Amino acid sequence: MKKDLHLKRYLSDKRRFADLINGFAGEGQELIKATDLLEEGSQSESTRTQKYRDRLFKAAFGVNFMVIGIEGQEKPHYLMPVRCMTYDSMEYERQTVNRRREVKALKSVSPEEWLSGFRKEDRLMPCVTLVLFFGEDWDGAKSLHELLEFAEIPKKLRDMVNDYHVHILEIQKMSDTNVFHTDVKQVFDAVRCSGDPEKLKELIFNDPAFRNLDIEAYNVIVHYTHARDLFKLRDEVKKGEKIDMCQAWATMIERERNLGKSAGLIEGKAAGLREGKVAGLCEGKAYGILDVLSEHSAVPEDVSKRILSETDLSVLTGWLKLAAKAETLEDFVKGM
């Protein structure tokens, strides 16, 4: 999907990746630096199959390394513990395959080491996969044991079954994004407002960072907040590699207003030709009401249907005056 590609590109930036890990795992404490990261691609390959995370880096800690993968999810994946376990196990298998080639080429190894393809003192790089969840509520399992049916199995046998936990960052449930110090903060703040267009608009106009946003951050925001109309305006508000998201939002609202007025006139004239002048005026006025209300927030389908189905011109005239005076959509609905 296109949004997945935008997320991959966004996370390719080492500054963002390090900031995300430090905010996610370190709660703002600097655990890794961007300069500590080495590109690992996103592929974990075994002799059986291939699996792809959204982004994978190898982080240096002195002379040692750790492999860190990030997987983005917009909806719960009910087998995520198995999925992450597979990613990580394949990464370990990839490491052992590479180590086996090296050991097999050595002469000074014991029979056991040659057979294993692994020397007694060798060690693998630790690996972890972190899940970024963009949806509203993760209602899936967060550990392997939650997926297993243990009923009637003796406890001593149950205790022998290894568990596997997944690490999920539920973005919309974050209480504090100040642990992030790159535009990861703006991206996550926008995602937290994705279900409330008015709140998203307020965020964009109140945070100066949105006036000078990197293109990659802009792309992720518009796709994961479902504000795809803003994506169409990207080239118009682009300034080099930066975008003024406030200008994009203002342009979108202006075009929606003009489109609403045009739609009202066109529909009104068409209806007038079909059913008479009064019907045409009613339909045009109804679209005019919807145009005014859309400045507050998205108009619910039931309210929209009620307005468009009204055939009394005097009622519609009163509603239009009410819409112009109402400070919120709720005020208008109460006064209908």
Foldseek 3Di string as FASTA:
>chain_A
DVLLVLVLVVCVQLQQVQLVCCCQVVVLDRPAHSVQWDAPAFWQDAPPGIDGASGWIWGDDPPAIAIETEHEAAAADQCVQVVFVVSQVSNQRVVLVVLLVVQCPDDPADPVCVVSSHGPPDDDHHYAYAYEYLYDDHPHDFKPVVVDDCPPPDPVVVVVDDMTGYHYDDLLPDPDLPSGDDCVSVLSVLSVCLVPVQVNLVSLVVDCQLQWAFPSSVSNSCVSSVVCQLVVCQVVQDDDRTGGSNVSVVVVLVVLLVVLLVVLQVQLVVCCVVPNNLQSLQSSLLSLLCSLQVVQHHDDPVVSVVSNPDRDNVVSVVLSVQSNPDPHPVSSVVVD
